[in-house]
């Protein structure tokens, strides 16, 4: 049985549904992209300097920073809207059917996310896809964020798998690069705005949505 390990935010869940909140507060839904990029940057810095703080707290801090750059005052009510929106993100339209395809082929499905356990459990449940996954893994267990090698080593150990037998599926090049550097295989979902860099190690599978990625996984792995 091949184990497929999925990233969650943007890979499975559509965070563009948060855009109306950013439109309301900042006057543009595009600020959501800046905010999430800041979240990822702050998480990377936290890992590099070994000052871990959970992803939810980093999200609120990044939101406050984005507001300060624009001289916009935000408060607890605004933070609560962001947290609740993160908990209630819908799955990308093709995701449930494609996860079911993989299950029917005998693949073991797992999630590995930067989000803390309680948040990711709520996210998957609220998106209606929790039942597809055999296990939900969080970086909280090692207090470091992807793409730290510690995370992929922890996941392989927890799953009782050899790194070279594992596949990471993600819509972030830094995540697939981290997995490949740790000896995993990787599939990249090139959702709109998501690109691989010329500096990235090339994932074995690339597709514009989970549909094409699943097609290739089934063809390659059976």
N, C-alpha and C. Protein backbone atom coordinates (compact mmCIF):
# COMPACT_ATOMS: atom_id res chain seq x y z
N UNK A 1 0.85 -1.20 0.00
CA UNK A 1 0.00 0.00 0.00
C UNK A 1 0.89 1.25 0.00
N UNK A 2 0.73 2.10 -0.99
CA UNK A 2 1.52 3.33 -1.08
C UNK A 2 0.86 4.43 -0.25
N UNK A 3 1.67 5.12 0.54
CA UNK A 3 1.16 6.22 1.37
C UNK A 3 1.38 7.54 0.65
N UNK A 4 0.30 8.29 0.50
CA UNK A 4 0.34 9.62 -0.10
C UNK A 4 0.08 10.64 1.01
N UNK A 5 1.00 11.59 1.14
CA UNK A 5 0.94 12.57 2.22
C UNK A 5 0.59 13.93 1.62
N UNK A 6 -0.53 14.49 2.06
CA UNK A 6 -1.05 15.73 1.48
C UNK A 6 -0.82 16.93 2.38
N UNK A 7 -0.32 18.00 1.78
CA UNK A 7 -0.41 19.32 2.39
C UNK A 7 -1.88 19.71 2.39
N UNK A 8 -2.26 20.69 3.22
CA UNK A 8 -3.69 21.02 3.36
C UNK A 8 -4.04 22.39 2.77
N UNK A 9 -3.51 23.47 3.35
CA UNK A 9 -3.92 24.81 2.91
C UNK A 9 -3.41 25.09 1.49
N UNK A 10 -4.31 25.49 0.62
CA UNK A 10 -4.09 25.75 -0.80
C UNK A 10 -3.98 24.47 -1.62
N UNK A 11 -3.43 23.42 -1.06
CA UNK A 11 -3.35 22.15 -1.79
C UNK A 11 -4.72 21.49 -1.86
N UNK A 12 -5.35 21.30 -0.70
CA UNK A 12 -6.68 20.70 -0.64
C UNK A 12 -7.79 21.73 -0.42
N UNK A 13 -7.48 22.75 0.36
CA UNK A 13 -8.48 23.76 0.73
C UNK A 13 -8.24 25.07 0.00
N UNK A 14 -9.32 25.73 -0.36
CA UNK A 14 -9.27 26.95 -1.17
C UNK A 14 -9.30 28.18 -0.27
N UNK A 15 -8.12 28.78 -0.04
CA UNK A 15 -8.07 29.92 0.87
C UNK A 15 -8.53 31.22 0.20
N UNK A 16 -8.82 31.17 -1.11
CA UNK A 16 -9.34 32.38 -1.76
C UNK A 16 -10.72 32.74 -1.21
N UNK A 17 -11.37 31.81 -0.50
CA UNK A 17 -12.66 32.12 0.11
C UNK A 17 -12.53 33.09 1.27
N UNK A 18 -11.29 33.40 1.65
CA UNK A 18 -11.08 34.43 2.67
C UNK A 18 -11.03 35.83 2.06
N UNK A 19 -11.00 35.93 0.75
CA UNK A 19 -10.83 37.23 0.09
C UNK A 19 -11.86 38.27 0.51
N UNK A 20 -13.14 37.92 0.69
CA UNK A 20 -14.11 38.95 1.10
C UNK A 20 -13.76 39.61 2.43
N UNK A 21 -13.14 38.88 3.34
CA UNK A 21 -12.75 39.47 4.62
C UNK A 21 -11.66 40.53 4.38
N UNK A 22 -10.70 40.21 3.54
CA UNK A 22 -9.63 41.16 3.25
C UNK A 22 -10.15 42.35 2.44
N UNK A 23 -11.13 42.09 1.59
CA UNK A 23 -11.78 43.18 0.85
C UNK A 23 -12.46 44.13 1.83
N UNK A 24 -13.13 43.57 2.81
CA UNK A 24 -13.86 44.38 3.79
C UNK A 24 -12.92 45.20 4.65
N UNK A 25 -11.80 44.61 5.07
CA UNK A 25 -10.89 45.29 5.99
C UNK A 25 -9.89 46.19 5.27
N UNK A 26 -9.37 45.71 4.15
CA UNK A 26 -8.28 46.42 3.47
C UNK A 26 -8.68 47.07 2.15
N UNK A 27 -9.89 46.75 1.68
CA UNK A 27 -10.33 47.33 0.42
C UNK A 27 -9.92 46.55 -0.80
N UNK A 28 -9.24 45.40 -0.59
CA UNK A 28 -8.82 44.55 -1.71
C UNK A 28 -8.64 43.11 -1.23
N UNK A 29 -9.28 42.19 -1.94
CA UNK A 29 -9.12 40.79 -1.62
C UNK A 29 -7.72 40.28 -1.92
N UNK A 30 -6.98 40.99 -2.78
CA UNK A 30 -5.62 40.57 -3.12
C UNK A 30 -4.67 40.62 -1.92
N UNK A 31 -5.03 41.38 -0.90
CA UNK A 31 -4.19 41.46 0.30
C UNK A 31 -4.06 40.10 0.97
N UNK A 32 -5.04 39.24 0.75
CA UNK A 32 -4.97 37.88 1.31
C UNK A 32 -3.71 37.16 0.85
N UNK A 33 -3.32 37.34 -0.42
CA UNK A 33 -2.11 36.69 -0.93
C UNK A 33 -0.87 37.21 -0.22
N UNK A 34 -0.82 38.53 -0.01
CA UNK A 34 0.31 39.12 0.72
C UNK A 34 0.36 38.58 2.14
N UNK A 35 -0.81 38.49 2.76
CA UNK A 35 -0.89 37.98 4.13
C UNK A 35 -0.37 36.54 4.22
N UNK A 36 -0.82 35.66 3.31
CA UNK A 36 -0.41 34.27 3.42
C UNK A 36 1.08 34.11 3.11
N UNK A 37 1.59 34.91 2.20
CA UNK A 37 3.03 34.90 1.95
C UNK A 37 3.80 35.32 3.19
N UNK A 38 3.26 36.31 3.91
CA UNK A 38 3.91 36.74 5.16
C UNK A 38 3.86 35.63 6.21
N UNK A 39 2.75 34.92 6.26
CA UNK A 39 2.63 33.79 7.20
C UNK A 39 3.73 32.76 6.92
N UNK A 40 3.89 32.40 5.65
CA UNK A 40 4.90 31.40 5.27
C UNK A 40 6.29 31.92 5.61
N UNK A 41 6.57 33.20 5.30
CA UNK A 41 7.88 33.78 5.59
C UNK A 41 8.16 33.73 7.09
N UNK A 42 7.17 34.11 7.90
CA UNK A 42 7.37 34.14 9.35
C UNK A 42 7.56 32.73 9.90
N UNK A 43 6.87 31.76 9.31
CA UNK A 43 7.05 30.37 9.75
C UNK A 43 8.45 29.87 9.43
N UNK A 44 8.96 30.23 8.26
CA UNK A 44 10.32 29.84 7.87
C UNK A 44 11.35 30.45 8.82
N UNK A 45 11.16 31.73 9.14
CA UNK A 45 12.08 32.40 10.06
C UNK A 45 12.03 31.73 11.43
N UNK A 46 10.83 31.42 11.90
CA UNK A 46 10.69 30.76 13.20
C UNK A 46 11.45 29.45 13.25
N UNK A 47 11.42 28.70 12.15
CA UNK A 47 12.16 27.44 12.09
C UNK A 47 13.67 27.68 12.09
N UNK A 48 14.10 28.66 11.31
CA UNK A 48 15.54 28.93 11.17
C UNK A 48 16.17 29.40 12.47
N UNK A 49 15.44 30.20 13.24
CA UNK A 49 16.02 30.73 14.48
C UNK A 49 15.55 29.94 15.70
N UNK A 50 14.83 28.84 15.45
CA UNK A 50 14.38 27.94 16.52
C UNK A 50 13.55 28.65 17.57
N UNK A 51 12.57 29.45 17.08
CA UNK A 51 11.62 30.11 17.98
C UNK A 51 10.21 29.78 17.50
N UNK A 52 9.80 28.57 17.77
CA UNK A 52 8.53 28.06 17.25
C UNK A 52 7.33 28.74 17.92
N UNK A 53 6.35 29.06 17.10
CA UNK A 53 5.04 29.51 17.57
C UNK A 53 4.03 28.89 16.63
N UNK A 54 2.90 28.45 17.15
CA UNK A 54 2.02 27.68 16.26
C UNK A 54 1.49 28.54 15.11
N UNK A 55 1.09 27.85 14.05
CA UNK A 55 0.74 28.48 12.78
C UNK A 55 -0.42 29.46 12.92
N UNK A 56 -1.36 29.14 13.82
CA UNK A 56 -2.49 30.04 14.03
C UNK A 56 -2.04 31.38 14.59
N UNK A 57 -1.12 31.34 15.57
CA UNK A 57 -0.60 32.57 16.17
C UNK A 57 0.21 33.36 15.15
N UNK A 58 0.97 32.66 14.33
CA UNK A 58 1.74 33.32 13.27
C UNK A 58 0.79 34.00 12.28
N UNK A 59 -0.32 33.34 11.98
CA UNK A 59 -1.30 33.93 11.07
C UNK A 59 -1.86 35.24 11.58
N UNK A 60 -2.18 35.28 12.87
CA UNK A 60 -2.71 36.51 13.47
C UNK A 60 -1.64 37.60 13.50
N UNK A 61 -0.40 37.22 13.86
CA UNK A 61 0.69 38.19 13.88
C UNK A 61 0.95 38.77 12.50
N UNK A 62 0.93 37.91 11.47
CA UNK A 62 1.14 38.38 10.09
C UNK A 62 0.02 39.32 9.66
N UNK A 63 -1.20 39.01 10.07
CA UNK A 63 -2.35 39.86 9.76
C UNK A 63 -2.17 41.24 10.38
N UNK A 64 -1.71 41.27 11.61
CA UNK A 64 -1.48 42.54 12.30
C UNK A 64 -0.38 43.33 11.61
N UNK A 65 0.67 42.63 11.14
CA UNK A 65 1.77 43.29 10.44
C UNK A 65 1.30 43.91 9.13
N UNK A 66 0.50 43.15 8.37
CA UNK A 66 -0.02 43.65 7.09
C UNK A 66 -0.87 44.91 7.33
N UNK A 67 -1.65 44.89 8.41
CA UNK A 67 -2.47 46.06 8.73
C UNK A 67 -1.60 47.25 9.10
N UNK A 68 -0.55 47.00 9.88
CA UNK A 68 0.33 48.09 10.31
C UNK A 68 1.02 48.74 9.11
N UNK A 69 1.38 47.95 8.11
CA UNK A 69 2.01 48.51 6.91
C UNK A 69 1.09 49.50 6.21
N UNK A 70 -0.20 49.28 6.37
CA UNK A 70 -1.18 50.14 5.71
C UNK A 70 -1.79 51.16 6.66
N UNK A 71 -1.26 51.22 7.88
CA UNK A 71 -1.78 52.15 8.90
C UNK A 71 -3.27 51.93 9.13
N UNK A 72 -3.66 50.65 9.13
CA UNK A 72 -5.05 50.28 9.40
C UNK A 72 -5.12 49.62 10.77
N UNK A 73 -6.05 50.08 11.57
CA UNK A 73 -6.22 49.55 12.91
C UNK A 73 -7.09 48.29 12.87
N UNK A 74 -6.59 47.22 13.44
CA UNK A 74 -7.36 45.97 13.52
C UNK A 74 -7.39 45.52 14.97
N UNK A 75 -8.43 44.74 15.31
CA UNK A 75 -8.58 44.31 16.69
C UNK A 75 -8.99 42.86 16.79
N UNK A 76 -9.41 42.46 17.99
CA UNK A 76 -9.73 41.07 18.27
C UNK A 76 -10.84 40.53 17.36
N UNK A 77 -11.82 41.36 17.05
CA UNK A 77 -12.91 40.92 16.17
C UNK A 77 -12.37 40.55 14.79
N UNK A 78 -11.44 41.35 14.28
CA UNK A 78 -10.84 41.07 12.97
C UNK A 78 -10.01 39.79 13.02
N UNK A 79 -9.24 39.61 14.09
CA UNK A 79 -8.44 38.39 14.24
C UNK A 79 -9.35 37.17 14.29
N UNK A 80 -10.47 37.30 15.01
CA UNK A 80 -11.41 36.18 15.14
C UNK A 80 -12.00 35.80 13.78
N UNK A 81 -12.25 36.79 12.95
CA UNK A 81 -12.78 36.52 11.61
C UNK A 81 -11.78 35.71 10.79
N UNK A 82 -10.50 36.05 10.91
CA UNK A 82 -9.45 35.34 10.17
C UNK A 82 -9.35 33.89 10.65
N UNK A 83 -9.33 33.70 11.96
CA UNK A 83 -9.21 32.35 12.51
C UNK A 83 -10.41 31.50 12.12
N UNK A 84 -11.60 32.06 12.24
CA UNK A 84 -12.80 31.31 11.89
C UNK A 84 -12.84 30.97 10.41
N UNK A 85 -12.39 31.91 9.58
CA UNK A 85 -12.36 31.65 8.14
C UNK A 85 -11.39 30.54 7.81
N UNK A 86 -10.24 30.49 8.49
CA UNK A 86 -9.27 29.42 8.26
C UNK A 86 -9.85 28.07 8.66
N UNK A 87 -10.66 28.06 9.68
CA UNK A 87 -11.28 26.80 10.13
C UNK A 87 -12.36 26.31 9.17
N UNK A 88 -12.91 27.21 8.38
CA UNK A 88 -14.10 26.88 7.58
C UNK A 88 -13.85 26.90 6.08
N UNK A 89 -12.61 26.76 5.65
CA UNK A 89 -12.29 26.80 4.22
C UNK A 89 -12.91 25.60 3.50
N UNK A 90 -13.46 25.82 2.31
CA UNK A 90 -13.97 24.69 1.52
C UNK A 90 -12.84 23.99 0.78
N UNK A 91 -13.07 22.73 0.44
CA UNK A 91 -12.12 22.02 -0.41
C UNK A 91 -12.22 22.56 -1.84
N UNK A 92 -11.12 22.51 -2.57
CA UNK A 92 -11.19 22.79 -4.00
C UNK A 92 -12.21 21.83 -4.63
N UNK A 93 -12.94 22.27 -5.64
CA UNK A 93 -14.07 21.49 -6.16
C UNK A 93 -13.75 20.04 -6.53
N UNK A 94 -12.55 19.79 -7.06
CA UNK A 94 -12.24 18.44 -7.55
C UNK A 94 -11.75 17.50 -6.46
N UNK A 95 -11.47 18.06 -5.27
CA UNK A 95 -10.75 17.29 -4.25
C UNK A 95 -11.50 16.05 -3.75
N UNK A 96 -12.76 16.14 -3.31
CA UNK A 96 -13.40 14.93 -2.76
C UNK A 96 -13.43 13.76 -3.74
N UNK A 97 -13.79 14.01 -4.97
CA UNK A 97 -13.86 12.92 -5.95
C UNK A 97 -12.49 12.30 -6.19
N UNK A 98 -11.45 13.12 -6.24
CA UNK A 98 -10.11 12.59 -6.51
C UNK A 98 -9.56 11.82 -5.31
N UNK A 99 -9.86 12.27 -4.10
CA UNK A 99 -9.46 11.50 -2.92
C UNK A 99 -10.15 10.14 -2.91
N UNK A 100 -11.41 10.14 -3.30
CA UNK A 100 -12.13 8.86 -3.36
C UNK A 100 -11.53 7.93 -4.41
N UNK A 101 -11.11 8.48 -5.54
CA UNK A 101 -10.43 7.68 -6.56
C UNK A 101 -9.20 6.99 -6.00
N UNK A 102 -8.42 7.76 -5.24
CA UNK A 102 -7.19 7.21 -4.67
C UNK A 102 -7.50 6.12 -3.64
N UNK A 103 -8.49 6.36 -2.80
CA UNK A 103 -8.87 5.35 -1.81
C UNK A 103 -9.32 4.06 -2.49
N UNK A 104 -10.09 4.21 -3.55
CA UNK A 104 -10.61 3.03 -4.25
C UNK A 104 -9.50 2.22 -4.91
N UNK A 105 -8.36 2.85 -5.13
CA UNK A 105 -7.20 2.16 -5.70
C UNK A 105 -6.27 1.59 -4.63
N UNK A 106 -6.65 1.78 -3.37
CA UNK A 106 -5.89 1.18 -2.29
C UNK A 106 -4.78 2.03 -1.70
N UNK A 107 -4.71 3.31 -2.07
CA UNK A 107 -3.70 4.18 -1.49
C UNK A 107 -4.07 4.55 -0.04
N UNK A 108 -3.06 4.71 0.77
CA UNK A 108 -3.25 5.22 2.13
C UNK A 108 -3.06 6.73 2.07
N UNK A 109 -4.02 7.49 2.60
CA UNK A 109 -3.98 8.95 2.53
C UNK A 109 -3.76 9.53 3.92
N UNK A 110 -2.82 10.49 3.99
CA UNK A 110 -2.44 11.13 5.25
C UNK A 110 -2.28 12.62 4.97
N UNK A 111 -2.48 13.45 5.99
CA UNK A 111 -2.17 14.88 5.84
C UNK A 111 -0.97 15.24 6.70
N UNK A 112 -0.20 16.21 6.21
CA UNK A 112 0.96 16.75 6.94
C UNK A 112 0.94 18.25 6.73
N UNK A 113 0.69 18.97 7.80
CA UNK A 113 0.44 20.40 7.65
C UNK A 113 1.18 21.23 8.70
N UNK A 114 1.40 22.49 8.35
CA UNK A 114 1.97 23.44 9.30
C UNK A 114 0.97 23.86 10.37
N UNK A 115 -0.31 23.59 10.16
CA UNK A 115 -1.34 23.98 11.11
C UNK A 115 -1.29 23.11 12.36
N UNK A 116 -1.66 23.66 13.53
CA UNK A 116 -1.71 22.85 14.75
C UNK A 116 -2.82 21.80 14.66
N UNK A 117 -2.73 20.72 15.43
CA UNK A 117 -3.67 19.59 15.30
C UNK A 117 -5.14 19.98 15.39
N UNK A 118 -5.52 20.80 16.36
CA UNK A 118 -6.93 21.15 16.52
C UNK A 118 -7.46 21.92 15.31
N UNK A 119 -6.62 22.79 14.75
CA UNK A 119 -7.05 23.58 13.59
C UNK A 119 -7.24 22.69 12.37
N UNK A 120 -6.26 21.84 12.07
CA UNK A 120 -6.38 21.01 10.87
C UNK A 120 -7.52 20.02 11.01
N UNK A 121 -7.77 19.51 12.21
CA UNK A 121 -8.90 18.60 12.41
C UNK A 121 -10.21 19.30 12.09
N UNK A 122 -10.34 20.55 12.55
CA UNK A 122 -11.55 21.33 12.26
C UNK A 122 -11.65 21.64 10.78
N UNK A 123 -10.52 21.99 10.15
CA UNK A 123 -10.51 22.31 8.73
C UNK A 123 -11.01 21.13 7.89
N UNK A 124 -10.44 19.96 8.13
CA UNK A 124 -10.81 18.79 7.32
C UNK A 124 -12.25 18.38 7.57
N UNK A 125 -12.68 18.49 8.83
CA UNK A 125 -14.06 18.13 9.16
C UNK A 125 -15.04 19.11 8.51
N UNK A 126 -14.76 20.40 8.63
CA UNK A 126 -15.66 21.41 8.07
C UNK A 126 -15.70 21.37 6.54
N UNK A 127 -14.59 20.92 5.93
CA UNK A 127 -14.55 20.81 4.47
C UNK A 127 -15.15 19.51 3.98
N UNK A 128 -15.51 18.63 4.90
CA UNK A 128 -16.16 17.37 4.53
C UNK A 128 -15.21 16.33 3.96
N UNK A 129 -13.91 16.42 4.27
CA UNK A 129 -12.97 15.47 3.69
C UNK A 129 -12.17 14.71 4.76
N UNK A 130 -12.51 14.87 6.01
CA UNK A 130 -11.76 14.24 7.09
C UNK A 130 -11.72 12.72 6.95
N UNK A 131 -12.82 12.13 6.54
CA UNK A 131 -12.94 10.66 6.51
C UNK A 131 -12.02 10.00 5.48
N UNK A 132 -11.49 10.78 4.55
CA UNK A 132 -10.61 10.20 3.54
C UNK A 132 -9.22 9.86 4.09
N UNK A 133 -8.88 10.44 5.23
CA UNK A 133 -7.50 10.35 5.70
C UNK A 133 -7.34 9.39 6.86
N UNK A 134 -6.33 8.55 6.74
CA UNK A 134 -6.00 7.57 7.76
C UNK A 134 -5.36 8.23 8.97
N UNK A 135 -4.66 9.34 8.75
CA UNK A 135 -3.94 10.00 9.83
C UNK A 135 -3.76 11.47 9.49
N UNK A 136 -3.73 12.30 10.53
CA UNK A 136 -3.48 13.73 10.37
C UNK A 136 -2.22 14.08 11.16
N UNK A 137 -1.16 14.48 10.46
CA UNK A 137 0.10 14.82 11.11
C UNK A 137 0.32 16.33 11.09
N UNK A 138 0.88 16.85 12.18
CA UNK A 138 1.14 18.29 12.28
C UNK A 138 2.59 18.53 12.68
N UNK A 139 3.13 19.63 12.17
CA UNK A 139 4.50 20.01 12.53
C UNK A 139 4.61 20.34 14.01
N UNK A 140 3.49 20.53 14.67
CA UNK A 140 3.48 20.83 16.09
C UNK A 140 4.27 19.78 16.89
N UNK A 141 4.30 18.56 16.35
CA UNK A 141 4.98 17.46 17.05
C UNK A 141 6.50 17.67 17.13
N UNK A 142 7.07 18.39 16.17
CA UNK A 142 8.52 18.62 16.17
C UNK A 142 8.88 20.09 16.35
N UNK A 143 7.87 20.95 16.45
CA UNK A 143 8.07 22.38 16.68
C UNK A 143 9.02 23.00 15.66
N UNK A 144 8.78 22.64 14.41
CA UNK A 144 9.49 23.22 13.27
C UNK A 144 8.53 23.14 12.09
N UNK A 145 8.67 24.07 11.15
CA UNK A 145 7.75 24.12 10.02
C UNK A 145 8.36 23.51 8.77
N UNK A 146 7.49 22.99 7.90
CA UNK A 146 7.95 22.62 6.57
C UNK A 146 8.52 23.88 5.90
N UNK A 147 9.64 23.77 5.16
CA UNK A 147 10.27 22.55 4.65
C UNK A 147 11.45 22.04 5.48
N UNK A 148 11.45 22.25 6.80
CA UNK A 148 12.52 21.71 7.63
C UNK A 148 12.60 20.19 7.47
N UNK A 149 13.80 19.68 7.35
CA UNK A 149 14.00 18.25 7.21
C UNK A 149 13.43 17.49 8.41
N UNK A 150 13.41 18.15 9.58
CA UNK A 150 12.88 17.51 10.78
C UNK A 150 11.43 17.04 10.58
N UNK A 151 10.67 17.82 9.84
CA UNK A 151 9.25 17.51 9.66
C UNK A 151 9.08 16.23 8.85
N UNK A 152 9.79 16.10 7.75
CA UNK A 152 9.65 14.93 6.89
C UNK A 152 10.22 13.68 7.56
N UNK A 153 11.29 13.85 8.34
CA UNK A 153 11.83 12.72 9.10
C UNK A 153 10.84 12.26 10.15
N UNK A 154 10.23 13.20 10.84
CA UNK A 154 9.21 12.86 11.84
C UNK A 154 8.05 12.11 11.19
N UNK A 155 7.56 12.62 10.05
CA UNK A 155 6.42 11.99 9.39
C UNK A 155 6.74 10.56 8.96
N UNK A 156 7.91 10.36 8.38
CA UNK A 156 8.30 9.02 7.94
C UNK A 156 8.37 8.07 9.13
N UNK A 157 8.95 8.55 10.24
CA UNK A 157 9.06 7.72 11.43
C UNK A 157 7.68 7.40 12.01
N UNK A 158 6.82 8.40 12.10
CA UNK A 158 5.48 8.20 12.65
C UNK A 158 4.68 7.21 11.82
N UNK A 159 4.85 7.29 10.51
CA UNK A 159 4.11 6.42 9.60
C UNK A 159 4.76 5.04 9.46
N UNK A 160 5.97 4.89 9.99
CA UNK A 160 6.67 3.62 9.87
C UNK A 160 7.07 3.31 8.45
N UNK A 161 7.43 4.36 7.71
CA UNK A 161 7.73 4.22 6.29
C UNK A 161 9.17 4.65 5.99
N UNK A 162 9.74 4.10 4.94
CA UNK A 162 11.01 4.57 4.41
C UNK A 162 10.76 5.80 3.56
N UNK A 163 11.61 6.80 3.70
CA UNK A 163 11.41 8.07 2.99
C UNK A 163 11.18 7.85 1.50
N UNK A 164 11.95 6.97 0.88
CA UNK A 164 11.87 6.77 -0.57
C UNK A 164 10.56 6.14 -1.01
N UNK A 165 9.77 5.64 -0.06
CA UNK A 165 8.47 5.05 -0.39
C UNK A 165 7.33 6.05 -0.26
N UNK A 166 7.60 7.22 0.31
CA UNK A 166 6.56 8.20 0.58
C UNK A 166 6.43 9.21 -0.55
N UNK A 167 5.20 9.68 -0.73
CA UNK A 167 4.91 10.73 -1.72
C UNK A 167 4.25 11.91 -1.01
N UNK A 168 4.79 13.11 -1.26
CA UNK A 168 4.15 14.34 -0.80
C UNK A 168 3.41 14.96 -1.97
N UNK A 169 2.17 15.37 -1.72
CA UNK A 169 1.39 16.10 -2.73
C UNK A 169 1.12 17.49 -2.19
N UNK A 170 1.58 18.52 -2.90
CA UNK A 170 1.46 19.89 -2.41
C UNK A 170 1.39 20.88 -3.56
N UNK A 171 0.85 22.06 -3.24
CA UNK A 171 0.77 23.15 -4.22
C UNK A 171 1.83 24.21 -3.95
N UNK A 172 2.83 23.88 -3.13
CA UNK A 172 3.89 24.82 -2.79
C UNK A 172 5.24 24.24 -3.17
N UNK A 173 6.03 25.01 -3.93
CA UNK A 173 7.33 24.50 -4.36
C UNK A 173 8.29 24.30 -3.20
N UNK A 174 8.17 25.14 -2.16
CA UNK A 174 9.05 24.97 -1.00
C UNK A 174 8.75 23.66 -0.26
N UNK A 175 7.51 23.20 -0.33
CA UNK A 175 7.13 21.95 0.34
C UNK A 175 7.62 20.74 -0.45
N UNK A 176 7.38 20.75 -1.77
CA UNK A 176 7.88 19.63 -2.57
C UNK A 176 9.41 19.60 -2.54
N UNK A 177 10.05 20.76 -2.54
CA UNK A 177 11.52 20.80 -2.47
C UNK A 177 12.01 20.21 -1.15
N UNK A 178 11.33 20.54 -0.07
CA UNK A 178 11.70 19.98 1.23
C UNK A 178 11.56 18.48 1.28
N UNK A 179 10.46 17.98 0.73
CA UNK A 179 10.23 16.53 0.72
C UNK A 179 11.27 15.81 -0.13
N UNK A 180 11.54 16.36 -1.31
CA UNK A 180 12.54 15.74 -2.19
C UNK A 180 13.92 15.74 -1.55
N UNK A 181 14.27 16.82 -0.86
CA UNK A 181 15.56 16.89 -0.18
C UNK A 181 15.67 15.87 0.94
N UNK A 182 14.51 15.50 1.51
CA UNK A 182 14.47 14.50 2.58
C UNK A 182 14.41 13.08 2.04
N UNK A 183 14.44 12.93 0.71
CA UNK A 183 14.45 11.60 0.11
C UNK A 183 13.09 11.07 -0.28
N UNK A 184 12.04 11.91 -0.14
CA UNK A 184 10.70 11.51 -0.55
C UNK A 184 10.53 11.68 -2.06
N UNK A 185 9.39 11.21 -2.54
CA UNK A 185 8.90 11.53 -3.88
C UNK A 185 7.92 12.69 -3.73
N UNK A 186 7.61 13.38 -4.83
CA UNK A 186 6.72 14.53 -4.72
C UNK A 186 5.90 14.73 -5.98
N UNK A 187 4.68 15.23 -5.75
CA UNK A 187 3.79 15.64 -6.83
C UNK A 187 3.38 17.08 -6.57
N UNK A 188 3.51 17.93 -7.57
CA UNK A 188 3.23 19.36 -7.44
C UNK A 188 1.94 19.70 -8.16
N UNK A 189 1.01 20.33 -7.43
CA UNK A 189 -0.23 20.81 -8.04
C UNK A 189 -0.03 22.28 -8.40
N UNK A 190 0.06 22.55 -9.69
CA UNK A 190 0.34 23.91 -10.17
C UNK A 190 -0.97 24.70 -10.27
N UNK A 191 -1.56 24.95 -9.11
CA UNK A 191 -2.80 25.75 -9.09
C UNK A 191 -2.47 27.17 -9.56
N UNK A 192 -3.49 27.95 -9.94
CA UNK A 192 -3.23 29.31 -10.43
C UNK A 192 -2.33 30.09 -9.48
N UNK A 193 -1.25 30.65 -10.05
CA UNK A 193 -0.31 31.42 -9.26
C UNK A 193 0.80 30.60 -8.63
N UNK A 194 0.70 29.27 -8.70
CA UNK A 194 1.72 28.41 -8.11
C UNK A 194 2.69 27.94 -9.20
N UNK A 195 3.96 28.17 -8.98
CA UNK A 195 4.97 27.84 -9.98
C UNK A 195 6.15 27.14 -9.32
N UNK A 196 6.86 26.35 -10.12
CA UNK A 196 8.13 25.80 -9.71
C UNK A 196 9.24 26.76 -10.14
N UNK A 197 10.27 26.87 -9.33
CA UNK A 197 11.43 27.70 -9.65
C UNK A 197 12.48 26.86 -10.38
N UNK A 198 13.33 27.53 -11.13
CA UNK A 198 14.41 26.82 -11.80
C UNK A 198 15.40 26.23 -10.79
N UNK A 199 15.36 26.74 -9.55
CA UNK A 199 16.24 26.22 -8.51
C UNK A 199 15.65 24.99 -7.81
N UNK A 200 14.37 24.71 -8.04
CA UNK A 200 13.72 23.58 -7.39
C UNK A 200 14.13 22.26 -8.02
N UNK A 201 14.28 21.24 -7.18
CA UNK A 201 14.39 19.89 -7.71
C UNK A 201 13.03 19.53 -8.30
N UNK A 202 13.01 18.98 -9.50
CA UNK A 202 11.76 18.72 -10.20
C UNK A 202 10.99 17.57 -9.57
N UNK A 203 9.75 17.80 -9.15
CA UNK A 203 8.92 16.69 -8.67
C UNK A 203 8.69 15.66 -9.77
N UNK A 204 8.45 14.44 -9.38
CA UNK A 204 8.21 13.39 -10.36
C UNK A 204 6.90 13.59 -11.11
N UNK A 205 5.95 14.26 -10.46
CA UNK A 205 4.63 14.48 -11.07
C UNK A 205 4.25 15.95 -10.92
N UNK A 206 3.74 16.54 -12.00
CA UNK A 206 3.25 17.92 -11.99
C UNK A 206 1.94 17.95 -12.76
N UNK A 207 0.94 18.63 -12.21
CA UNK A 207 -0.33 18.79 -12.91
C UNK A 207 -1.04 20.04 -12.45
N UNK A 208 -1.94 20.60 -13.28
CA UNK A 208 -2.60 21.86 -12.95
C UNK A 208 -3.68 21.74 -11.88
N UNK A 209 -4.16 20.54 -11.61
CA UNK A 209 -5.13 20.34 -10.53
C UNK A 209 -4.93 18.93 -9.99
N UNK A 210 -5.68 18.61 -8.96
CA UNK A 210 -5.54 17.27 -8.37
C UNK A 210 -6.00 16.19 -9.35
N UNK A 211 -6.84 16.53 -10.29
CA UNK A 211 -7.30 15.54 -11.28
C UNK A 211 -6.13 14.98 -12.06
N UNK A 212 -5.35 15.85 -12.64
CA UNK A 212 -4.21 15.41 -13.46
C UNK A 212 -3.13 14.73 -12.61
N UNK A 213 -2.95 15.22 -11.39
CA UNK A 213 -1.98 14.59 -10.49
C UNK A 213 -2.41 13.17 -10.13
N UNK A 214 -3.68 13.00 -9.84
CA UNK A 214 -4.18 11.66 -9.52
C UNK A 214 -4.07 10.74 -10.73
N UNK A 215 -4.40 11.25 -11.90
CA UNK A 215 -4.24 10.44 -13.12
C UNK A 215 -2.82 9.88 -13.22
N UNK A 216 -1.85 10.75 -12.96
CA UNK A 216 -0.45 10.34 -13.08
C UNK A 216 -0.02 9.40 -11.95
N UNK A 217 -0.53 9.65 -10.75
CA UNK A 217 -0.21 8.77 -9.62
C UNK A 217 -0.72 7.35 -9.90
N UNK A 218 -1.94 7.27 -10.38
CA UNK A 218 -2.53 5.95 -10.68
C UNK A 218 -1.76 5.26 -11.80
N UNK A 219 -1.41 6.02 -12.83
CA UNK A 219 -0.66 5.44 -13.94
C UNK A 219 0.72 4.95 -13.47
N UNK A 220 1.35 5.72 -12.58
CA UNK A 220 2.71 5.41 -12.16
C UNK A 220 2.77 4.33 -11.08
N UNK A 221 1.80 4.38 -10.16
CA UNK A 221 1.88 3.51 -8.99
C UNK A 221 0.83 2.41 -8.96
N UNK A 222 -0.15 2.51 -9.86
CA UNK A 222 -1.15 1.45 -9.93
C UNK A 222 -2.36 1.68 -9.05
